[in-house]
Every structure is written in C-alpha cells, then in structure tokens.
Amino acid sequence: MENFENQKFCQSCAMPMDGSEVYGTNADGSKNDEYCIYCFKDGEFTSDMSMDEMMNFCIEKMVEVHPEMDRDEASSMMNEVFPKLKRWAND
C-alpha cells in the first residue's frame, strides 16, 4: 500500500484514486489519472459546480465514509485541501 505522500487524489473532489478503475476518461476514451470517474468523463467535468458546491457535496460523502469525523472536521480539512487541487487552484 502506498503512503499518503504517494497517494493519488482526484484533482477535483480529492477522492483517493487507488487504481485505474476509478480514473476518469479523456475525450479519446483513454484514462485520465488526474480526475476520478465521478468528476471527469469523456474529456469533460461531469458537473459545473463551484469549489464551494463541490466541498459541500464532498463533506456529506466524507462523514458517511468516515463516521469518526464530524462535519466541522471534514469542512476544515476540505478548506485546506481544495484550493490546492488542480481544478480549483486558479479560482
């Protein structure tokens, strides 16, 4: 198993990308290793949302997957991580 520093994360939603089965797809059908299948398909983002909208959506998913984490912790973490992700870095 890779350590945290070598872990790939979706550059839109910060989901861990543990293998090519979760990679999004480019317009030519090839795998895109920067974005996950939920955020990027056929060379385009699957939804046109702002960084704040994406964070709010992901906070709910994060607390579902990590019951030990509350909404405030998830929000705090995402406020630190999301602005550094490729999709949002220029916002």
PDB file of N, CA and C in Angstrom:
ATOM      1  N   MET A   1       0.834  -1.194   0.000  1.00  0.00           N
ATOM      2  CA  MET A   1       0.000   0.000   0.000  1.00  0.00           C
ATOM      3  C   MET A   1       0.874   1.251   0.000  1.00  0.00           C
ATOM      4  N   GLU A   2       0.458   2.232  -0.817  1.00  0.00           N
ATOM      5  CA  GLU A   2       1.225   3.461  -0.919  1.00  0.00           C
ATOM      6  C   GLU A   2       1.027   4.305   0.329  1.00  0.00           C
ATOM      7  N   ASN A   3       2.050   5.099   0.654  1.00  0.00           N
ATOM      8  CA  ASN A   3       1.859   6.000   1.779  1.00  0.00           C
ATOM      9  C   ASN A   3       1.149   7.261   1.301  1.00  0.00           C
ATOM     10  N   PHE A   4       0.761   8.093   2.226  1.00  0.00           N
ATOM     11  CA  PHE A   4      -0.059   9.266   1.910  1.00  0.00           C
ATOM     12  C   PHE A   4       0.587  10.176   0.866  1.00  0.00           C
ATOM     13  N   GLU A   5       1.893  10.383   0.965  1.00  0.00           N
ATOM     14  CA  GLU A   5       2.581  11.290   0.052  1.00  0.00           C
ATOM     15  C   GLU A   5       2.530  10.792  -1.391  1.00  0.00           C
ATOM     16  N   ASN A   6       2.494   9.487  -1.592  1.00  0.00           N
ATOM     17  CA  ASN A   6       2.473   8.934  -2.939  1.00  0.00           C
ATOM     18  C   ASN A   6       1.059   8.633  -3.427  1.00  0.00           C
ATOM     19  N   GLN A   7       0.091   8.846  -2.590  1.00  0.00           N
ATOM     20  CA  GLN A   7      -1.302   8.566  -2.937  1.00  0.00           C
ATOM     21  C   GLN A   7      -1.794   9.571  -3.969  1.00  0.00           C
ATOM     22  N   LYS A   8      -2.494   9.083  -4.982  1.00  0.00           N
ATOM     23  CA  LYS A   8      -3.132   9.974  -5.953  1.00  0.00           C
ATOM     24  C   LYS A   8      -4.509  10.356  -5.433  1.00  0.00           C
ATOM     25  N   PHE A   9      -4.859  11.624  -5.630  1.00  0.00           N
ATOM     26  CA  PHE A   9      -6.176  12.126  -5.261  1.00  0.00           C
ATOM     27  C   PHE A   9      -6.767  12.826  -6.468  1.00  0.00           C
ATOM     28  N   CYS A  10      -8.077  12.695  -6.631  1.00  0.00           N
ATOM     29  CA  CYS A  10      -8.757  13.406  -7.705  1.00  0.00           C
ATOM     30  C   CYS A  10      -8.501  14.902  -7.523  1.00  0.00           C
ATOM     31  N   GLN A  11      -8.120  15.554  -8.596  1.00  0.00           N
ATOM     32  CA  GLN A  11      -7.802  16.972  -8.545  1.00  0.00           C
ATOM     33  C   GLN A  11      -9.043  17.866  -8.650  1.00  0.00           C
ATOM     34  N   SER A  12     -10.216  17.242  -8.457  1.00  0.00           N
ATOM     35  CA  SER A  12     -11.465  17.988  -8.408  1.00  0.00           C
ATOM     36  C   SER A  12     -12.172  17.790  -7.068  1.00  0.00           C
ATOM     37  N   CYS A  13     -12.276  16.519  -6.612  1.00  0.00           N
ATOM     38  CA  CYS A  13     -13.033  16.224  -5.382  1.00  0.00           C
ATOM     39  C   CYS A  13     -12.173  15.679  -4.247  1.00  0.00           C
ATOM     40  N   ALA A  14     -10.888  15.436  -4.506  1.00  0.00           N
ATOM     41  CA  ALA A  14      -9.935  14.945  -3.506  1.00  0.00           C
ATOM     42  C   ALA A  14     -10.156  13.487  -3.108  1.00  0.00           C
ATOM     43  N   MET A  15     -10.962  12.746  -3.862  1.00  0.00           N
ATOM     44  CA  MET A  15     -11.159  11.324  -3.567  1.00  0.00           C
ATOM     45  C   MET A  15      -9.853  10.570  -3.811  1.00  0.00           C
ATOM     46  N   PRO A  16      -9.471   9.673  -2.903  1.00  0.00           N
ATOM     47  CA  PRO A  16      -8.293   8.839  -3.160  1.00  0.00           C
ATOM     48  C   PRO A  16      -8.517   8.001  -4.422  1.00  0.00           C
ATOM     49  N   MET A  17      -7.496   7.951  -5.268  1.00  0.00           N
ATOM     50  CA  MET A  17      -7.589   7.176  -6.509  1.00  0.00           C
ATOM     51  C   MET A  17      -6.606   6.014  -6.414  1.00  0.00           C
ATOM     52  N   ASP A  18      -7.118   4.898  -5.900  1.00  0.00           N
ATOM     53  CA  ASP A  18      -6.286   3.741  -5.590  1.00  0.00           C
ATOM     54  C   ASP A  18      -6.022   2.819  -6.777  1.00  0.00           C
ATOM     55  N   GLY A  19      -6.507   3.159  -7.935  1.00  0.00           N
ATOM     56  CA  GLY A  19      -6.270   2.319  -9.099  1.00  0.00           C
ATOM     57  C   GLY A  19      -6.953   2.892 -10.311  1.00  0.00           C
ATOM     58  N   SER A  20      -6.549   2.422 -11.483  1.00  0.00           N
ATOM     59  CA  SER A  20      -7.047   2.995 -12.725  1.00  0.00           C
ATOM     60  C   SER A  20      -8.545   2.786 -12.926  1.00  0.00           C
ATOM     61  N   GLU A  21      -9.154   1.872 -12.159  1.00  0.00           N
ATOM     62  CA  GLU A  21     -10.604   1.661 -12.304  1.00  0.00           C
ATOM     63  C   GLU A  21     -11.408   2.881 -11.856  1.00  0.00           C
ATOM     64  N   VAL A  22     -10.816   3.769 -11.092  1.00  0.00           N
ATOM     65  CA  VAL A  22     -11.526   4.982 -10.680  1.00  0.00           C
ATOM     66  C   VAL A  22     -11.065   6.221 -11.442  1.00  0.00           C
ATOM     67  N   TYR A  23     -10.164   6.041 -12.426  1.00  0.00           N
ATOM     68  CA  TYR A  23      -9.703   7.175 -13.229  1.00  0.00           C
ATOM     69  C   TYR A  23     -10.811   7.617 -14.177  1.00  0.00           C
ATOM     70  N   GLY A  24     -10.931   8.931 -14.361  1.00  0.00           N
ATOM     71  CA  GLY A  24     -11.854   9.460 -15.344  1.00  0.00           C
ATOM     72  C   GLY A  24     -11.359   9.141 -16.745  1.00  0.00           C
ATOM     73  N   THR A  25     -12.100   9.605 -17.746  1.00  0.00           N
ATOM     74  CA  THR A  25     -11.712   9.328 -19.134  1.00  0.00           C
ATOM     75  C   THR A  25     -11.564  10.622 -19.923  1.00  0.00           C
ATOM     76  N   ASN A  26     -10.596  10.608 -20.820  1.00  0.00           N
ATOM     77  CA  ASN A  26     -10.375  11.717 -21.738  1.00  0.00           C
ATOM     78  C   ASN A  26     -11.337  11.595 -22.920  1.00  0.00           C
ATOM     79  N   ALA A  27     -11.357  12.610 -23.765  1.00  0.00           N
ATOM     80  CA  ALA A  27     -12.254  12.622 -24.924  1.00  0.00           C
ATOM     81  C   ALA A  27     -12.016  11.431 -25.841  1.00  0.00           C
ATOM     82  N   ASP A  28     -10.776  10.956 -25.913  1.00  0.00           N
ATOM     83  CA  ASP A  28     -10.457   9.816 -26.787  1.00  0.00           C
ATOM     84  C   ASP A  28     -10.687   8.462 -26.113  1.00  0.00           C
ATOM     85  N   GLY A  29     -11.221   8.494 -24.883  1.00  0.00           N
ATOM     86  CA  GLY A  29     -11.511   7.256 -24.166  1.00  0.00           C
ATOM     87  C   GLY A  29     -10.376   6.753 -23.298  1.00  0.00           C
ATOM     88  N   SER A  30      -9.206   7.377 -23.394  1.00  0.00           N
ATOM     89  CA  SER A  30      -8.078   6.963 -22.563  1.00  0.00           C
ATOM     90  C   SER A  30      -8.324   7.403 -21.117  1.00  0.00           C
ATOM     91  N   LYS A  31      -7.615   6.768 -20.202  1.00  0.00           N
ATOM     92  CA  LYS A  31      -7.769   7.076 -18.776  1.00  0.00           C
ATOM     93  C   LYS A  31      -7.110   8.411 -18.448  1.00  0.00           C
ATOM     94  N   ASN A  32      -7.715   9.132 -17.535  1.00  0.00           N
ATOM     95  CA  ASN A  32      -7.173  10.391 -17.041  1.00  0.00           C
ATOM     96  C   ASN A  32      -6.834  10.178 -15.569  1.00  0.00           C
ATOM     97  N   ASP A  33      -5.554  10.221 -15.245  1.00  0.00           N
ATOM     98  CA  ASP A  33      -5.140   9.905 -13.875  1.00  0.00           C
ATOM     99  C   ASP A  33      -5.154  11.111 -12.930  1.00  0.00           C
ATOM    100  N   GLU A  34      -5.696  12.241 -13.386  1.00  0.00           N
ATOM    101  CA  GLU A  34      -5.798  13.409 -12.513  1.00  0.00           C
ATOM    102  C   GLU A  34      -7.189  13.562 -11.899  1.00  0.00           C
ATOM    103  N   TYR A  35      -8.204  13.023 -12.592  1.00  0.00           N
ATOM    104  CA  TYR A  35      -9.586  13.188 -12.147  1.00  0.00           C
ATOM    105  C   TYR A  35     -10.292  11.843 -12.078  1.00  0.00           C
ATOM    106  N   CYS A  36     -11.200  11.702 -11.125  1.00  0.00           N
ATOM    107  CA  CYS A  36     -11.903  10.434 -10.936  1.00  0.00           C
ATOM    108  C   CYS A  36     -13.086  10.286 -11.901  1.00  0.00           C
ATOM    109  N   ILE A  37     -13.628   9.082 -11.955  1.00  0.00           N
ATOM    110  CA  ILE A  37     -14.754   8.780 -12.849  1.00  0.00           C
ATOM    111  C   ILE A  37     -16.006   9.573 -12.486  1.00  0.00           C
ATOM    112  N   TYR A  38     -16.100  10.013 -11.250  1.00  0.00           N
ATOM    113  CA  TYR A  38     -17.278  10.769 -10.834  1.00  0.00           C
ATOM    114  C   TYR A  38     -17.203  12.235 -11.255  1.00  0.00           C
ATOM    115  N   CYS A  39     -15.995  12.741 -11.445  1.00  0.00           N
ATOM    116  CA  CYS A  39     -15.809  14.153 -11.784  1.00  0.00           C
ATOM    117  C   CYS A  39     -15.514  14.405 -13.257  1.00  0.00           C
ATOM    118  N   PHE A  40     -14.949  13.409 -13.956  1.00  0.00           N
ATOM    119  CA  PHE A  40     -14.440  13.653 -15.311  1.00  0.00           C
ATOM    120  C   PHE A  40     -14.757  12.481 -16.218  1.00  0.00           C
ATOM    121  N   LYS A  41     -15.482  12.744 -17.290  1.00  0.00           N
ATOM    122  CA  LYS A  41     -15.866  11.682 -18.225  1.00  0.00           C
ATOM    123  C   LYS A  41     -15.828  12.232 -19.644  1.00  0.00           C
ATOM    124  N   ASP A  42     -15.234  11.464 -20.545  1.00  0.00           N
ATOM    125  CA  ASP A  42     -15.155  11.834 -21.969  1.00  0.00           C
ATOM    126  C   ASP A  42     -14.534  13.217 -22.177  1.00  0.00           C
ATOM    127  N   GLY A  43     -13.537  13.538 -21.349  1.00  0.00           N
ATOM    128  CA  GLY A  43     -12.802  14.785 -21.518  1.00  0.00           C
ATOM    129  C   GLY A  43     -13.463  16.016 -20.930  1.00  0.00           C
ATOM    130  N   GLU A  44     -14.544  15.818 -20.170  1.00  0.00           N
ATOM    131  CA  GLU A  44     -15.250  16.959 -19.590  1.00  0.00           C
ATOM    132  C   GLU A  44     -15.613  16.686 -18.140  1.00  0.00           C
ATOM    133  N   PHE A  45     -15.715  17.749 -17.361  1.00  0.00           N
ATOM    134  CA  PHE A  45     -16.191  17.598 -15.992  1.00  0.00           C
ATOM    135  C   PHE A  45     -17.656  17.194 -16.031  1.00  0.00           C
ATOM    136  N   THR A  46     -18.055  16.324 -15.132  1.00  0.00           N
ATOM    137  CA  THR A  46     -19.419  15.797 -15.134  1.00  0.00           C
ATOM    138  C   THR A  46     -20.415  16.775 -14.537  1.00  0.00           C
ATOM    139  N   SER A  47     -19.939  17.769 -13.824  1.00  0.00           N
ATOM    140  CA  SER A  47     -20.849  18.778 -13.276  1.00  0.00           C
ATOM    141  C   SER A  47     -20.162  20.132 -13.291  1.00  0.00           C
ATOM    142  N   ASP A  48     -20.962  21.145 -13.455  1.00  0.00           N
ATOM    143  CA  ASP A  48     -20.471  22.512 -13.487  1.00  0.00           C
ATOM    144  C   ASP A  48     -20.800  23.150 -12.145  1.00  0.00           C
ATOM    145  N   MET A  49     -19.953  22.876 -11.159  1.00  0.00           N
ATOM    146  CA  MET A  49     -20.193  23.436  -9.834  1.00  0.00           C
ATOM    147  C   MET A  49     -18.985  24.214  -9.379  1.00  0.00           C
ATOM    148  N   SER A  50     -19.221  25.104  -8.449  1.00  0.00           N
ATOM    149  CA  SER A  50     -18.132  25.884  -7.880  1.00  0.00           C
ATOM    150  C   SER A  50     -17.354  25.025  -6.875  1.00  0.00           C
ATOM    151  N   MET A  51     -16.212  25.532  -6.461  1.00  0.00           N
ATOM    152  CA  MET A  51     -15.430  24.815  -5.456  1.00  0.00           C
ATOM    153  C   MET A  51     -16.249  24.664  -4.170  1.00  0.00           C
ATOM    154  N   ASP A  52     -16.959  25.700  -3.769  1.00  0.00           N
ATOM    155  CA  ASP A  52     -17.766  25.622  -2.540  1.00  0.00           C
ATOM    156  C   ASP A  52     -18.862  24.566  -2.670  1.00  0.00           C
ATOM    157  N   GLU A  53     -19.507  24.508  -3.833  1.00  0.00           N
ATOM    158  CA  GLU A  53     -20.544  23.493  -4.054  1.00  0.00           C
ATOM    159  C   GLU A  53     -19.952  22.090  -4.005  1.00  0.00           C
ATOM    160  N   MET A  54     -18.772  21.922  -4.599  1.00  0.00           N
ATOM    161  CA  MET A  54     -18.107  20.612  -4.570  1.00  0.00           C
ATOM    162  C   MET A  54     -17.731  20.246  -3.140  1.00  0.00           C
ATOM    163  N   MET A  55     -17.219  21.197  -2.385  1.00  0.00           N
ATOM    164  CA  MET A  55     -16.848  20.922  -0.995  1.00  0.00           C
ATOM    165  C   MET A  55     -18.075  20.514  -0.179  1.00  0.00           C
ATOM    166  N   ASN A  56     -19.175  21.225  -0.330  1.00  0.00           N
ATOM    167  CA  ASN A  56     -20.391  20.875   0.410  1.00  0.00           C
ATOM    168  C   ASN A  56     -20.870  19.475   0.065  1.00  0.00           C
ATOM    169  N   PHE A  57     -20.812  19.121  -1.208  1.00  0.00           N
ATOM    170  CA  PHE A  57     -21.193  17.777  -1.640  1.00  0.00           C
ATOM    171  C   PHE A  57     -20.256  16.738  -1.007  1.00  0.00           C
ATOM    172  N   CYS A  58     -18.972  17.022  -1.034  1.00  0.00           N
ATOM    173  CA  CYS A  58     -17.980  16.066  -0.535  1.00  0.00           C
ATOM    174  C   CYS A  58     -17.976  15.941   0.985  1.00  0.00           C
ATOM    175  N   ILE A  59     -18.356  16.987   1.688  1.00  0.00           N
ATOM    176  CA  ILE A  59     -18.435  16.909   3.152  1.00  0.00           C
ATOM    177  C   ILE A  59     -19.410  15.813   3.552  1.00  0.00           C
ATOM    178  N   GLU A  60     -20.555  15.772   2.888  1.00  0.00           N
ATOM    179  CA  GLU A  60     -21.553  14.730   3.190  1.00  0.00           C
ATOM    180  C   GLU A  60     -20.980  13.335   2.944  1.00  0.00           C
ATOM    181  N   LYS A  61     -20.288  13.166   1.825  1.00  0.00           N
ATOM    182  CA  LYS A  61     -19.690  11.864   1.497  1.00  0.00           C
ATOM    183  C   LYS A  61     -18.610  11.496   2.506  1.00  0.00           C
ATOM    184  N   MET A  62     -17.817  12.468   2.904  1.00  0.00           N
ATOM    185  CA  MET A  62     -16.715  12.220   3.836  1.00  0.00           C
ATOM    186  C   MET A  62     -17.228  11.727   5.181  1.00  0.00           C
ATOM    187  N   VAL A  63     -18.266  12.362   5.718  1.00  0.00           N
ATOM    188  CA  VAL A  63     -18.775  11.919   7.017  1.00  0.00           C
ATOM    189  C   VAL A  63     -19.511  10.584   6.915  1.00  0.00           C
ATOM    190  N   GLU A  64     -20.047  10.258   5.731  1.00  0.00           N
ATOM    191  CA  GLU A  64     -20.645   8.924   5.509  1.00  0.00           C
ATOM    192  C   GLU A  64     -19.579   7.845   5.576  1.00  0.00           C
ATOM    193  N   VAL A  65     -18.471   8.090   4.878  1.00  0.00           N
ATOM    194  CA  VAL A  65     -17.391   7.102   4.771  1.00  0.00           C
ATOM    195  C   VAL A  65     -16.556   7.040   6.044  1.00  0.00           C
ATOM    196  N   HIS A  66     -16.445   8.165   6.742  1.00  0.00           N
ATOM    197  CA  HIS A  66     -15.627   8.250   7.963  1.00  0.00           C
ATOM    198  C   HIS A  66     -16.514   8.699   9.130  1.00  0.00           C
ATOM    199  N   PRO A  67     -17.268   7.770   9.735  1.00  0.00           N
ATOM    200  CA  PRO A  67     -18.186   8.150  10.818  1.00  0.00           C
ATOM    201  C   PRO A  67     -17.494   8.773  12.031  1.00  0.00           C
ATOM    202  N   GLU A  68     -16.194   8.556  12.156  1.00  0.00           N
ATOM    203  CA  GLU A  68     -15.452   9.149  13.278  1.00  0.00           C
ATOM    204  C   GLU A  68     -15.213  10.648  13.069  1.00  0.00           C
ATOM    205  N   MET A  69     -15.502  11.139  11.870  1.00  0.00           N
ATOM    206  CA  MET A  69     -15.268  12.536  11.531  1.00  0.00           C
ATOM    207  C   MET A  69     -16.611  13.286  11.522  1.00  0.00           C
ATOM    208  N   ASP A  70     -16.628  14.460  12.116  1.00  0.00           N
ATOM    209  CA  ASP A  70     -17.870  15.247  12.053  1.00  0.00           C
ATOM    210  C   ASP A  70     -17.787  16.261  10.900  1.00  0.00           C
ATOM    211  N   ARG A  71     -18.894  16.946  10.661  1.00  0.00           N
ATOM    212  CA  ARG A  71     -18.972  17.887   9.534  1.00  0.00           C
ATOM    213  C   ARG A  71     -17.930  19.001   9.644  1.00  0.00           C
ATOM    214  N   ASP A  72     -17.702  19.495  10.859  1.00  0.00           N
ATOM    215  CA  ASP A  72     -16.735  20.584  11.039  1.00  0.00           C
ATOM    216  C   ASP A  72     -15.323  20.141  10.691  1.00  0.00           C
ATOM    217  N   GLU A  73     -14.972  18.920  11.119  1.00  0.00           N
ATOM    218  CA  GLU A  73     -13.637  18.393  10.795  1.00  0.00           C
ATOM    219  C   GLU A  73     -13.481  18.212   9.292  1.00  0.00           C
ATOM    220  N   ALA A  74     -14.503  17.638   8.645  1.00  0.00           N
ATOM    221  CA  ALA A  74     -14.459  17.422   7.200  1.00  0.00           C
ATOM    222  C   ALA A  74     -14.363  18.760   6.472  1.00  0.00           C
ATOM    223  N   SER A  75     -15.134  19.726   6.904  1.00  0.00           N
ATOM    224  CA  SER A  75     -15.124  21.051   6.285  1.00  0.00           C
ATOM    225  C   SER A  75     -13.760  21.723   6.432  1.00  0.00           C
ATOM    226  N   SER A  76     -13.197  21.639   7.611  1.00  0.00           N
ATOM    227  CA  SER A  76     -11.889  22.231   7.867  1.00  0.00           C
ATOM    228  C   SER A  76     -10.818  21.604   6.966  1.00  0.00           C
ATOM    229  N   MET A  77     -10.842  20.281   6.872  1.00  0.00           N
ATOM    230  CA  MET A  77      -9.876  19.581   6.031  1.00  0.00           C
ATOM    231  C   MET A  77     -10.037  19.999   4.561  1.00  0.00           C
ATOM    232  N   MET A  78     -11.262  20.058   4.096  1.00  0.00           N
ATOM    233  CA  MET A  78     -11.509  20.396   2.695  1.00  0.00           C
ATOM    234  C   MET A  78     -11.160  21.842   2.388  1.00  0.00           C
ATOM    235  N   ASN A  79     -11.379  22.737   3.345  1.00  0.00           N
ATOM    236  CA  ASN A  79     -10.987  24.132   3.144  1.00  0.00           C
ATOM    237  C   ASN A  79      -9.482  24.282   2.984  1.00  0.00           C
ATOM    238  N   GLU A  80      -8.739  23.364   3.559  1.00  0.00           N
ATOM    239  CA  GLU A  80      -7.292  23.379   3.422  1.00  0.00           C
ATOM    240  C   GLU A  80      -6.847  22.723   2.115  1.00  0.00           C
ATOM    241  N   VAL A  81      -7.497  21.620   1.738  1.00  0.00           N
ATOM    242  CA  VAL A  81      -7.067  20.824   0.583  1.00  0.00           C
ATOM    243  C   VAL A  81      -7.586  21.349  -0.756  1.00  0.00           C
ATOM    244  N   PHE A  82      -8.851  21.684  -0.827  1.00  0.00           N
ATOM    245  CA  PHE A  82      -9.472  22.004  -2.119  1.00  0.00           C
ATOM    246  C   PHE A  82      -8.796  23.134  -2.893  1.00  0.00           C
ATOM    247  N   PRO A  83      -8.415  24.246  -2.245  1.00  0.00           N
ATOM    248  CA  PRO A  83      -7.772  25.320  -3.022  1.00  0.00           C
ATOM    249  C   PRO A  83      -6.456  24.892  -3.680  1.00  0.00           C
ATOM    250  N   LYS A  84      -5.868  23.798  -3.229  1.00  0.00           N
ATOM    251  CA  LYS A  84      -4.605  23.305  -3.793  1.00  0.00           C
ATOM    252  C   LYS A  84      -4.813  22.324  -4.939  1.00  0.00           C
ATOM    253  N   LEU A  85      -6.045  21.850  -5.131  1.00  0.00           N
ATOM    254  CA  LEU A  85      -6.327  20.900  -6.200  1.00  0.00           C
ATOM    255  C   LEU A  85      -6.280  21.607  -7.548  1.00  0.00           C
ATOM    256  N   LYS A  86      -5.838  20.898  -8.570  1.00  0.00           N
ATOM    257  CA  LYS A  86      -5.640  21.485  -9.895  1.00  0.00           C
ATOM    258  C   LYS A  86      -6.874  22.207 -10.428  1.00  0.00           C
ATOM    259  N   ARG A  87      -8.047  21.596 -10.280  1.00  0.00           N
ATOM    260  CA  ARG A  87      -9.269  22.198 -10.813  1.00  0.00           C
ATOM    261  C   ARG A  87      -9.571  23.555 -10.173  1.00  0.00           C
ATOM    262  N   TRP A  88      -9.233  23.719  -8.908  1.00  0.00           N
ATOM    263  CA  TRP A  88      -9.626  24.908  -8.168  1.00  0.00           C
ATOM    264  C   TRP A  88      -8.473  25.881  -7.909  1.00  0.00           C
ATOM    265  N   ALA A  89      -7.270  25.509  -8.211  1.00  0.00           N
ATOM    266  CA  ALA A  89      -6.096  26.312  -7.853  1.00  0.00           C
ATOM    267  C   ALA A  89      -6.106  27.713  -8.463  1.00  0.00           C
ATOM    268  N   ASN A  90      -6.781  27.881  -9.586  1.00  0.00           N
ATOM    269  CA  ASN A  90      -6.800  29.204 -10.246  1.00  0.00           C
ATOM    270  C   ASN A  90      -8.039  30.021  -9.911  1.00  0.00           C
ATOM    271  N   ASP A  91      -8.906  29.460  -9.068  1.00  0.00           N
ATOM    272  CA  ASP A  91     -10.136  30.199  -8.712  1.00  0.00           C
ATOM    273  C   ASP A  91      -9.826  31.350  -7.783  1.00  0.00           C
TER     274      ASP A  91
END
